[in-house]
Amino acid sequence: QLLDSRDGLVFESLSENTSIPSYTFVRDNDDEQVSISVTKKGGHVLSYLKNRAVNGEQLDITEATQKAAQFLQKNGFYSMQDSYYEKSGGIATINFAYVQDNVTCYSDLVKVRVALDDGDILGLETKGYLMNHSERELSTPALTIEEARAKISTSLDVKATKLALVPKDSMREVLCYEFTGAFNDRNFIIYV
């Protein structure tokens, strides 16, 4: 739950000419501004944003990720795995993707913003998840992991490997091996 009935939200707008029609509600106080968009169909939270001053960084990225994961679980987003994050201005934006049968489905993306001063959830974006989430018929990979690994440079120091479903521009999803590693002190992710 992001807000309660005492939060004084007021209706701002109805967005209908978009891929997901939604109602937007706002609250503007001296110390913070809140905006939340709820889908017209189904009443799902499409986006949530709380702007407030963040006072320092008391949490590290591991703690922030745990707060975000607990928040998602509590709000019905199950089997989500953090994939990457960005930090700016005392806020961590952590990207989570749905995992089905040990395959990371990157189309089903949820972004969570966490304040690093106290772990407060400052943002949520669910469009990727709402547009794409479903239980998929996952095929068996045509290549073994060894065959896929042979297609990338032996100079890459591979740290982790997993299966991933990656969206293409054609709206198609492709089953890949994801290799995470380093070369010349630079991090890489390679999909085969």
Protein backbone atom coordinates (compact mmCIF):
# COMPACT_ATOMS: atom_id res chain seq x y z
CA GLN A 1 0.00 0.00 0.00
CA LEU A 2 1.47 3.30 -1.11
CA LEU A 3 -1.08 5.70 0.34
CA ASP A 4 -4.07 5.69 2.67
CA SER A 5 -7.39 7.51 2.57
CA ARG A 6 -6.07 10.37 4.72
CA ASP A 7 -3.48 11.39 2.16
CA GLY A 8 -5.65 14.08 0.58
CA LEU A 9 -5.18 13.07 -3.06
CA VAL A 10 -7.17 14.99 -5.63
CA PHE A 11 -8.11 13.92 -9.14
CA GLU A 12 -5.91 15.60 -11.76
CA SER A 13 -6.58 13.98 -15.13
CA LEU A 14 -7.73 11.05 -17.22
CA SER A 15 -5.23 9.90 -19.86
CA GLU A 16 -7.06 7.95 -22.56
CA ASN A 17 -4.94 8.31 -25.71
CA THR A 18 -2.18 6.08 -24.37
CA SER A 19 -1.37 2.36 -24.43
CA ILE A 20 -2.79 2.06 -20.88
CA PRO A 21 -5.59 4.55 -20.09
CA SER A 22 -5.29 5.79 -16.50
CA TYR A 23 -6.52 8.22 -13.87
CA THR A 24 -3.94 10.45 -12.19
CA PHE A 25 -4.29 11.77 -8.65
CA VAL A 26 -1.95 14.26 -6.97
CA ARG A 27 -1.12 15.82 -3.62
CA ASP A 28 1.13 18.84 -3.25
CA ASN A 29 2.41 19.81 0.20
CA ASP A 30 5.24 22.14 1.15
CA ASP A 31 7.62 19.27 1.86
CA GLU A 32 6.59 16.72 -0.77
CA GLN A 33 4.62 16.16 -3.95
CA VAL A 34 2.87 12.89 -4.76
CA SER A 35 1.45 11.66 -8.05
CA ILE A 36 -0.18 8.28 -8.64
CA SER A 37 -1.69 6.90 -11.85
CA VAL A 38 -4.18 4.04 -11.70
CA THR A 39 -5.26 2.06 -14.75
CA LYS A 40 -8.81 2.70 -15.94
CA LYS A 41 -9.24 -1.03 -16.49
CA GLY A 42 -8.51 -3.15 -13.43
CA GLY A 43 -7.42 -0.36 -11.07
CA HIS A 44 -3.71 -1.30 -11.11
CA VAL A 45 -1.04 1.18 -10.06
CA LEU A 46 0.65 2.22 -13.29
CA SER A 47 3.03 4.72 -11.73
CA TYR A 48 3.70 6.36 -8.41
CA LEU A 49 6.09 9.20 -7.66
CA LYS A 50 6.84 10.94 -4.39
CA ASN A 51 9.19 13.93 -4.56
CA ARG A 52 10.77 14.95 -1.28
CA ALA A 53 14.17 15.89 0.05
CA VAL A 54 16.40 12.88 0.74
CA ASN A 55 18.77 13.46 3.65
CA GLY A 56 21.96 11.50 3.10
CA GLU A 57 22.49 7.80 2.44
CA GLN A 58 21.97 5.49 5.41
CA LEU A 59 21.15 2.38 3.32
CA ASP A 60 23.47 0.62 0.88
CA ILE A 61 22.21 -0.84 -2.39
CA THR A 62 21.71 -4.32 -0.88
CA GLU A 63 19.43 -2.92 1.83
CA ALA A 64 17.56 -0.76 -0.68
CA THR A 65 17.04 -3.77 -2.95
CA GLN A 66 15.67 -5.78 -0.02
CA LYS A 67 13.21 -2.96 0.81
CA ALA A 68 12.09 -2.81 -2.83
CA ALA A 69 11.70 -6.61 -3.08
CA GLN A 70 9.65 -6.73 0.14
CA PHE A 71 7.46 -3.92 -1.18
CA LEU A 72 6.83 -5.75 -4.47
CA GLN A 73 6.02 -9.03 -2.70
CA LYS A 74 3.63 -7.25 -0.32
CA ASN A 75 1.85 -5.67 -3.29
CA GLY A 76 1.35 -8.82 -5.36
CA PHE A 77 4.41 -8.82 -7.62
CA TYR A 78 5.73 -12.32 -7.08
CA SER A 79 8.78 -14.10 -8.48
CA MET A 80 10.58 -10.84 -9.26
CA GLN A 81 14.38 -10.63 -9.51
CA ASP A 82 16.42 -7.43 -9.35
CA SER A 83 18.46 -6.97 -12.49
CA TYR A 84 20.22 -3.60 -12.35
CA TYR A 85 20.07 -0.27 -10.56
CA GLU A 86 20.99 3.39 -10.79
CA LYS A 87 21.81 5.75 -7.94
CA SER A 88 21.30 9.50 -8.02
CA GLY A 89 20.59 12.16 -5.42
CA GLY A 90 20.26 9.70 -2.55
CA ILE A 91 17.73 7.58 -4.46
CA ALA A 92 18.21 4.09 -5.88
CA THR A 93 16.10 3.10 -8.88
CA ILE A 94 16.05 -0.69 -8.96
CA ASN A 95 14.76 -2.65 -11.94
CA PHE A 96 13.04 -5.98 -11.35
CA ALA A 97 12.02 -8.57 -13.94
CA TYR A 98 9.66 -11.51 -13.62
CA VAL A 99 11.26 -14.96 -13.38
CA GLN A 100 9.45 -18.05 -14.72
CA ASP A 101 11.07 -21.49 -14.49
CA ASN A 102 14.51 -19.90 -13.88
CA VAL A 103 14.17 -17.72 -16.99
CA THR A 104 14.33 -13.95 -16.47
CA CYS A 105 11.55 -12.33 -18.52
CA TYR A 106 12.86 -8.81 -19.15
CA SER A 107 9.63 -7.64 -20.82
CA ASP A 108 7.86 -7.89 -17.45
CA LEU A 109 9.76 -4.99 -15.94
CA VAL A 110 8.96 -3.08 -12.74
CA LYS A 111 11.02 -0.13 -11.49
CA VAL A 112 11.12 0.82 -7.82
CA ARG A 113 12.66 4.04 -6.43
CA VAL A 114 13.94 3.79 -2.85
CA ALA A 115 15.10 6.65 -0.63
CA LEU A 116 18.52 5.79 0.75
CA ASP A 117 17.99 7.82 3.93
CA ASP A 118 15.16 5.72 5.37
CA GLY A 119 14.08 3.10 2.79
CA ASP A 120 10.87 4.93 1.87
CA ILE A 121 9.40 3.88 -1.48
CA LEU A 122 9.50 7.01 -3.63
CA GLY A 123 8.45 5.57 -6.95
CA LEU A 124 6.96 2.67 -8.84
CA GLU A 125 6.64 2.10 -12.58
CA THR A 126 4.76 -0.99 -13.77
CA LYS A 127 3.98 -0.35 -17.45
CA GLY A 128 6.28 -3.07 -18.79
CA TYR A 129 4.83 -5.62 -16.39
CA LEU A 130 1.20 -4.65 -17.01
CA MET A 131 1.65 -4.66 -20.79
CA ASN A 132 3.51 -7.97 -21.04
CA HIS A 133 3.06 -10.21 -18.02
CA SER A 134 1.77 -13.71 -18.72
CA GLU A 135 2.80 -17.29 -18.12
CA ARG A 136 4.78 -18.21 -21.20
CA GLU A 137 5.30 -21.45 -23.08
CA LEU A 138 9.08 -21.63 -22.73
CA SER A 139 10.96 -23.80 -25.19
CA THR A 140 14.05 -25.84 -24.46
CA PRO A 141 17.20 -23.98 -25.58
CA ALA A 142 18.57 -25.22 -28.91
CA LEU A 143 22.13 -24.63 -27.68
CA THR A 144 23.69 -26.05 -24.56
CA ILE A 145 25.29 -23.55 -22.22
CA GLU A 146 28.71 -24.79 -23.34
CA GLU A 147 27.84 -24.23 -27.03
CA ALA A 148 26.62 -20.71 -26.26
CA ARG A 149 29.73 -19.94 -24.18
CA ALA A 150 31.93 -21.01 -27.09
CA LYS A 151 30.42 -18.20 -29.21
CA ILE A 152 31.81 -15.40 -27.01
CA SER A 153 35.39 -14.27 -26.48
CA THR A 154 37.50 -16.38 -24.18
CA SER A 155 38.92 -13.06 -22.89
CA LEU A 156 35.66 -12.31 -21.09
CA ASP A 157 35.90 -13.30 -17.43
CA VAL A 158 32.37 -14.74 -17.02
CA LYS A 159 30.95 -14.14 -13.54
CA ALA A 160 27.39 -15.39 -14.04
CA THR A 161 25.21 -17.12 -16.60
CA LYS A 162 21.44 -17.46 -16.80
CA LEU A 163 18.59 -17.93 -19.23
CA ALA A 164 16.67 -14.80 -20.22
CA LEU A 165 13.73 -13.92 -22.41
CA VAL A 166 14.73 -10.70 -24.20
CA PRO A 167 12.28 -8.39 -26.01
CA LYS A 168 13.05 -7.46 -29.61
CA ASP A 169 11.89 -4.36 -31.50
CA SER A 170 9.50 -6.58 -33.45
CA MET A 171 7.53 -7.22 -30.21
CA ARG A 172 8.93 -10.75 -30.28
CA GLU A 173 10.76 -12.30 -27.34
CA VAL A 174 13.90 -14.38 -27.82
CA LEU A 175 15.23 -17.00 -25.40
CA CYS A 176 18.92 -16.31 -24.74
CA TYR A 177 21.81 -17.20 -22.52
CA GLU A 178 22.92 -14.13 -20.59
CA PHE A 179 26.62 -13.98 -19.77
CA THR A 180 27.73 -11.35 -17.26
CA GLY A 181 31.44 -10.71 -17.03
CA ALA A 182 34.38 -8.35 -17.22
CA PHE A 183 37.09 -7.52 -19.73
CA ASN A 184 39.83 -4.89 -19.22
CA ASP A 185 38.14 -3.67 -16.00
CA ARG A 186 34.85 -3.04 -17.82
CA ASN A 187 31.62 -4.93 -17.13
CA PHE A 188 29.70 -6.53 -19.99
CA ILE A 189 26.47 -8.42 -20.51
CA ILE A 190 26.36 -10.60 -23.62
CA TYR A 191 23.30 -12.39 -24.96
CA VAL A 192 23.60 -15.49 -27.17
